[in-house]
Protein backbone atom coordinates (compact mmCIF):
# COMPACT_ATOMS: atom_id res chain seq x y z
CA UNK A 1 -1.35 24.02 57.73
CA UNK A 2 -2.51 22.26 54.54
CA UNK A 3 0.44 20.42 53.02
CA UNK A 4 0.66 18.35 49.86
CA UNK A 5 3.53 15.86 49.67
CA UNK A 6 4.20 14.77 46.11
CA UNK A 7 6.05 11.46 45.89
CA UNK A 8 5.49 8.17 47.67
CA UNK A 9 9.14 7.17 47.90
CA UNK A 10 11.20 6.95 51.08
CA UNK A 11 11.43 10.68 51.86
CA UNK A 12 7.86 11.37 50.74
CA UNK A 13 6.47 8.75 53.11
CA UNK A 14 8.73 9.88 55.96
CA UNK A 15 7.84 13.57 55.67
CA UNK A 16 4.12 12.92 55.11
CA UNK A 17 3.89 10.68 58.18
CA UNK A 18 5.86 12.94 60.53
CA UNK A 19 4.03 16.09 59.44
CA UNK A 20 0.65 14.38 59.83
CA UNK A 21 1.62 13.06 63.25
CA UNK A 22 2.53 16.63 64.25
CA UNK A 23 -0.99 17.82 63.46
CA UNK A 24 -0.61 19.17 59.92
CA UNK A 25 -3.33 18.47 57.35
CA UNK A 26 -1.32 16.39 54.91
CA UNK A 27 -2.25 14.84 51.59
CA UNK A 28 0.10 12.42 49.82
CA UNK A 29 0.19 12.37 46.02
CA UNK A 30 1.56 9.07 44.70
CA UNK A 31 2.54 7.81 41.27
CA UNK A 32 0.20 4.81 41.34
CA UNK A 33 -3.36 4.19 42.47
CA UNK A 34 -2.15 0.98 44.08
CA UNK A 35 0.07 2.87 46.49
CA UNK A 36 -2.60 5.48 47.20
CA UNK A 37 -5.08 2.73 48.06
CA UNK A 38 -2.54 1.05 50.38
CA UNK A 39 -1.85 4.30 52.24
CA UNK A 40 -5.55 5.12 52.54
CA UNK A 41 -6.21 1.66 53.93
CA UNK A 42 -3.25 1.24 56.30
CA UNK A 43 -1.87 4.71 56.92
CA UNK A 44 1.89 5.25 56.84
CA UNK A 45 4.03 3.19 59.19
CA UNK A 46 7.49 4.56 60.12
CA UNK A 47 10.03 2.40 61.91
CA UNK A 48 13.69 2.68 62.85
CA UNK A 49 14.89 6.05 64.15
CA UNK A 50 11.25 7.15 64.30
CA UNK A 51 8.38 4.86 65.34
CA UNK A 52 4.86 5.94 64.43
CA UNK A 53 1.81 5.26 62.29
CA UNK A 54 -0.07 8.17 60.75
CA UNK A 55 -3.32 8.36 58.83
CA UNK A 56 -2.67 10.29 55.64
CA UNK A 57 -5.17 10.66 52.78
CA UNK A 58 -3.54 9.74 49.47
CA UNK A 59 -4.40 10.11 45.82
CA UNK A 60 -2.65 9.10 42.60
CA UNK A 61 -1.17 12.00 40.63
CA UNK A 62 -3.22 11.19 37.54
CA UNK A 63 -6.44 11.40 39.53
CA UNK A 64 -5.34 14.63 41.22
CA UNK A 65 -4.64 16.48 37.96
CA UNK A 66 -7.87 15.18 36.41
CA UNK A 67 -9.95 16.62 39.23
CA UNK A 68 -10.90 13.30 40.81
CA UNK A 69 -9.82 14.36 44.30
CA UNK A 70 -12.84 14.14 46.59
CA UNK A 71 -11.27 16.37 49.25
CA UNK A 72 -13.20 19.59 49.74
CA UNK A 73 -10.40 21.51 51.42
CA UNK A 74 -8.91 24.43 49.57
CA UNK A 75 -5.54 24.31 47.87
CA UNK A 76 -2.47 23.38 49.88
CA UNK A 77 -0.42 26.30 51.19
CA UNK A 78 2.75 24.23 51.08
CA UNK A 79 3.87 21.58 48.61
CA UNK A 80 6.80 19.25 49.35
CA UNK A 81 8.27 17.83 46.16
CA UNK A 82 9.83 14.47 47.02
CA UNK A 83 10.21 12.76 43.66
CA UNK A 84 13.38 11.86 41.81
CA UNK A 85 14.60 14.11 39.03
CA UNK A 86 13.66 11.39 36.54
CA UNK A 87 10.01 11.70 37.65
CA UNK A 88 9.76 15.45 37.02
CA UNK A 89 7.72 15.21 33.82
CA UNK A 90 6.30 18.10 31.83
CA UNK A 91 2.86 17.29 33.26
CA UNK A 92 4.12 17.42 36.84
CA UNK A 93 6.12 20.60 36.16
CA UNK A 94 3.01 22.27 34.74
CA UNK A 95 1.01 21.23 37.81
CA UNK A 96 3.65 22.65 40.17
CA UNK A 97 4.00 25.93 38.28
CA UNK A 98 0.23 26.40 38.34
CA UNK A 99 0.14 25.69 42.08
CA UNK A 100 2.88 28.25 42.78
CA UNK A 101 1.26 30.87 40.58
CA UNK A 102 -1.86 30.39 42.70
CA UNK A 103 0.07 31.06 45.90
CA UNK A 104 1.38 27.71 47.14
CA UNK A 105 4.98 27.61 48.36
CA UNK A 106 6.97 24.78 46.81
CA UNK A 107 9.74 23.12 48.81
CA UNK A 108 11.92 20.86 46.69
CA UNK A 109 13.66 17.93 48.37
CA UNK A 110 15.21 16.73 45.12
CA UNK A 111 18.80 15.69 44.69
CA UNK A 112 21.07 17.30 42.12
CA UNK A 113 20.62 20.57 40.30
CA UNK A 114 18.73 21.71 37.24
CA UNK A 115 15.16 20.96 38.30
CA UNK A 116 14.31 24.61 39.01
CA UNK A 117 14.94 25.41 35.36
CA UNK A 118 11.98 23.14 34.51
CA UNK A 119 9.79 25.02 37.00
CA UNK A 120 10.78 28.58 36.10
CA UNK A 121 7.98 31.13 35.85
CA UNK A 122 8.10 34.80 36.78
CA UNK A 123 4.94 34.52 38.87
CA UNK A 124 6.17 31.34 40.55
CA UNK A 125 9.62 32.56 41.56
CA UNK A 126 8.63 34.09 44.93
CA UNK A 127 7.31 30.68 46.01
CA UNK A 128 10.37 28.55 45.16
CA UNK A 129 12.13 27.11 48.20
CA UNK A 130 15.00 24.62 48.05
CA UNK A 131 15.46 22.14 50.88
CA UNK A 132 18.74 20.30 51.37
CA UNK A 133 18.53 17.32 53.70
CA UNK A 134 20.69 14.48 54.96
CA UNK A 135 17.77 12.51 56.43
CA UNK A 136 18.10 8.81 55.64
CA UNK A 137 15.09 6.67 54.77
CA UNK A 138 14.29 3.42 52.97
CA UNK A 139 10.87 2.50 51.64
CA UNK A 140 9.81 -0.95 52.80
CA UNK A 141 6.43 -1.18 51.05
CA UNK A 142 3.73 1.07 49.60
CA UNK A 143 2.85 2.29 53.09
CA UNK A 144 5.91 1.52 55.23
CA UNK A 145 9.23 3.31 55.52
CA UNK A 146 12.33 2.86 57.66
CA UNK A 147 13.88 6.03 59.09
CA UNK A 148 17.49 4.89 58.74
CA UNK A 149 19.36 8.02 59.77
CA UNK A 150 18.62 11.35 61.39
CA UNK A 151 20.09 14.31 59.57
CA UNK A 152 19.46 18.00 59.06
CA UNK A 153 17.46 20.22 56.71
CA UNK A 154 18.49 23.59 55.31
CA UNK A 155 15.93 25.72 53.47
CA UNK A 156 16.34 28.88 51.42
CA UNK A 157 14.79 30.80 48.56
CA UNK A 158 15.97 30.09 45.05
CA UNK A 159 15.12 33.66 43.98
CA UNK A 160 15.78 35.61 47.16
CA UNK A 161 15.41 38.93 45.37
CA UNK A 162 11.75 38.21 44.57
CA UNK A 163 10.10 38.91 47.90
CA UNK A 164 6.63 40.09 46.92
CA UNK A 165 3.94 37.52 46.07
CA UNK A 166 2.22 37.73 42.70
CA UNK A 167 -1.20 36.72 43.98
CA UNK A 168 -3.65 38.08 46.51
CA UNK A 169 -5.43 34.74 46.96
CA UNK A 170 -3.01 33.20 49.40
CA UNK A 171 -0.44 35.00 51.54
CA UNK A 172 3.12 33.98 50.80
CA UNK A 173 4.64 31.66 53.39
CA UNK A 174 7.86 33.02 54.80
CA UNK A 175 10.84 30.76 55.41
CA UNK A 176 10.43 30.91 59.18
CA UNK A 177 6.89 29.56 58.96
CA UNK A 178 8.01 26.72 56.72
CA UNK A 179 10.94 25.98 59.03
CA UNK A 180 8.74 26.04 62.13
CA UNK A 181 6.34 23.61 60.49
CA UNK A 182 9.15 21.14 59.80
CA UNK A 183 10.60 21.62 63.28
CA UNK A 184 7.20 20.82 64.76
CA UNK A 185 7.39 17.50 62.93
CA UNK A 186 10.69 16.72 64.64
CA UNK A 187 13.16 17.70 61.93
CA UNK A 188 16.40 19.63 62.54
CA UNK A 189 15.84 22.70 60.35
CA UNK A 190 17.76 25.91 59.70
CA UNK A 191 16.91 28.77 57.36
CA UNK A 192 19.87 29.65 55.16
CA UNK A 193 20.68 32.86 53.34
CA UNK A 194 23.30 30.97 51.31
CA UNK A 195 21.30 27.96 50.15
CA UNK A 196 23.52 27.60 47.06
CA UNK A 197 26.42 26.53 49.29
CA UNK A 198 24.25 23.86 50.91
CA UNK A 199 22.99 22.72 47.51
CA UNK A 200 26.59 22.19 46.42
CA UNK A 201 27.47 20.42 49.66
CA UNK A 202 24.57 17.97 49.31
CA UNK A 203 25.35 17.53 45.60
CA UNK A 204 28.93 16.54 46.42
CA UNK A 205 27.77 14.22 49.22
CA UNK A 206 25.51 12.45 46.74
CA UNK A 207 28.14 12.46 44.00
CA UNK A 208 30.68 10.81 46.30
CA UNK A 209 28.42 8.24 47.98
CA UNK A 210 25.65 7.23 45.60
CA UNK A 211 27.53 6.12 42.46
CA UNK A 212 30.14 4.15 44.40
CA UNK A 213 27.58 2.33 46.56
CA UNK A 214 25.64 1.49 43.39
CA UNK A 215 28.70 0.18 41.56
CA UNK A 216 30.04 -1.77 44.54
CA UNK A 217 26.54 -2.95 45.59
CA UNK A 218 27.13 -2.07 49.23
CA UNK A 219 25.26 -0.02 51.88
CA UNK A 220 26.56 3.41 52.80
CA UNK A 221 28.42 2.29 55.91
CA UNK A 222 30.63 -0.16 54.02
CA UNK A 223 31.96 2.48 51.64
CA UNK A 224 34.77 3.97 53.81
CA UNK A 225 35.85 0.59 55.18
CA UNK A 226 38.40 -0.28 52.49
CA UNK A 227 41.40 1.79 51.43
CA UNK A 228 40.57 1.57 47.72
CA UNK A 229 36.97 2.77 48.05
CA UNK A 230 38.08 5.47 50.49
CA UNK A 231 40.63 6.69 47.94
CA UNK A 232 37.95 6.86 45.26
CA UNK A 233 35.70 8.81 47.61
CA UNK A 234 38.49 11.28 48.31
CA UNK A 235 39.24 11.83 44.62
CA UNK A 236 35.55 12.41 43.86
CA UNK A 237 35.38 14.91 46.72
CA UNK A 238 38.47 16.82 45.62
CA UNK A 239 37.36 17.06 41.99
CA UNK A 240 33.94 18.33 43.09
CA UNK A 241 35.46 20.81 45.52
CA UNK A 242 37.70 22.25 42.81
CA UNK A 243 34.74 22.54 40.43
CA UNK A 244 32.70 24.40 43.04
CA UNK A 245 35.46 27.01 43.30
CA UNK A 246 35.06 27.75 39.59
CA UNK A 247 31.44 28.64 40.40
CA UNK A 248 32.50 30.94 43.27
CA UNK A 249 31.31 28.44 45.88
CA UNK A 250 33.77 27.56 48.65
CA UNK A 251 33.59 23.98 49.89
CA UNK A 252 35.24 23.63 53.27
CA UNK A 253 37.48 20.67 54.11
CA UNK A 254 34.98 19.86 56.88
CA UNK A 255 32.61 18.56 54.20
CA UNK A 256 34.90 15.54 53.81
CA UNK A 257 34.36 14.73 57.48
CA UNK A 258 30.63 15.24 56.97
CA UNK A 259 30.61 12.76 54.08
CA UNK A 260 32.20 10.15 56.32
CA UNK A 261 29.71 11.01 59.06
CA UNK A 262 26.79 10.56 56.64
CA UNK A 263 28.13 7.10 55.80
CA UNK A 264 28.29 6.31 59.51
CA UNK A 265 24.86 7.68 60.40
CA UNK A 266 23.19 5.94 57.44
CA UNK A 267 25.35 2.82 57.65
CA UNK A 268 22.58 0.35 56.80
CA UNK A 269 21.02 2.56 54.16
CA UNK A 270 21.09 1.43 50.55
CA UNK A 271 21.36 4.58 48.45
CA UNK A 272 18.59 5.33 45.99
CA UNK A 273 21.06 4.84 43.15
CA UNK A 274 21.95 1.38 44.44
CA UNK A 275 18.26 0.52 44.70
CA UNK A 276 17.66 1.76 41.15
CA UNK A 277 20.57 -0.23 39.71
CA UNK A 278 19.47 -3.37 41.56
CA UNK A 279 15.92 -2.96 40.22
CA UNK A 280 17.01 -2.20 36.66
CA UNK A 281 15.65 1.37 36.81
CA UNK A 282 17.11 4.60 35.42
CA UNK A 283 19.15 6.35 38.10
CA UNK A 284 19.59 10.03 38.97
CA UNK A 285 23.17 9.98 37.69
CA UNK A 286 22.38 12.72 35.14
CA UNK A 287 21.10 15.11 37.83
CA UNK A 288 24.02 14.39 40.15
CA UNK A 289 27.30 13.45 38.43
CA UNK A 290 26.01 14.47 35.01
CA UNK A 291 25.31 18.00 36.26
CA UNK A 292 28.85 18.28 37.61
CA UNK A 293 30.32 17.07 34.34
CA UNK A 294 28.15 19.55 32.43
CA UNK A 295 29.53 22.45 34.45
CA UNK A 296 33.07 21.07 34.10
CA UNK A 297 32.64 20.88 30.34
CA UNK A 298 31.56 24.52 30.17
CA UNK A 299 34.54 25.63 32.27
CA UNK A 300 37.10 23.42 30.53
CA UNK A 301 37.88 21.47 33.69
CA UNK A 302 38.70 17.76 33.67
CA UNK A 303 37.05 15.42 36.22
CA UNK A 304 38.42 11.98 35.36
CA UNK A 305 37.11 10.13 38.42
CA UNK A 306 33.60 11.51 38.07
CA UNK A 307 33.71 10.79 34.34
CA UNK A 308 34.65 7.18 35.03
CA UNK A 309 31.90 6.51 37.59
CA UNK A 310 29.39 8.28 35.34
CA UNK A 311 30.24 6.00 32.41
CA UNK A 312 30.13 2.92 34.64
CA UNK A 313 26.68 3.81 35.98
CA UNK A 314 25.39 4.52 32.46
CA UNK A 315 26.75 1.14 31.34
CA UNK A 316 25.11 -0.56 34.31
CA UNK A 317 21.79 1.08 33.45
CA UNK A 318 21.98 -0.20 29.88
CA UNK A 319 22.97 -3.73 30.92
CA UNK A 320 20.32 -3.94 33.63
């Protein structure tokens, strides 16, 4: 299967390498030419939970959209979107919409909610697939990534009611085919008919772990080790759970145990928000905590703990 992975961050490198090693024809689209050149020269090296090196052709996004790709293969049947919400520009959104309208299935690995609104198109809707994953990874260099924690992947259609493709050029990929492809690469994948529940679960996992690790400057595994940070985690979880109920989404108490398990399984992982704060970059706080606060504002619900960590992260961004 021809697959295009967009994003050369930790998850992009991990998925591109494992899919290529499993025999898929993978192309990696990176933000910079420098990274594309490094991957083309060295391949992608994965260490940690997974050990492998895979040859993956790479091209910078600017060169791809300007038609400078020398590859003669036809368009990818599957696109994995592995960029942060902050990187979903109008140019990238336009590229993705065009690809879907021409028959490519798009699987989004992004955190938070709201990105599908930027990609909405009637012709594209049958090809929109959301993936929710707890895989842990940390980018070590342009072409190296550490697989820091094995997790799971849940996939489901954003617009389940739109089942017929709008193009005759490329047959629509069904969820089973996409799932089988990811399973072949060694991922734990399940197809879900209630992807919204998984989206909320992952959103709350991120909203509990990421801001606190960024503010405390600690890896995931350290977060539950003190009573004060554990109390903050619990309050963030309970506020998010109560908000989900206002949206007719039931969050089971078992998600709290899963949050603690994620911290354990990715103990050495430095969350992406921590990495962004440390590097002085804009974080995904708007797509994660900001999205929760937006819903809370529309429903009249107060979320004081989330509001506090949101303001602290925004202050840290401005001071960094």
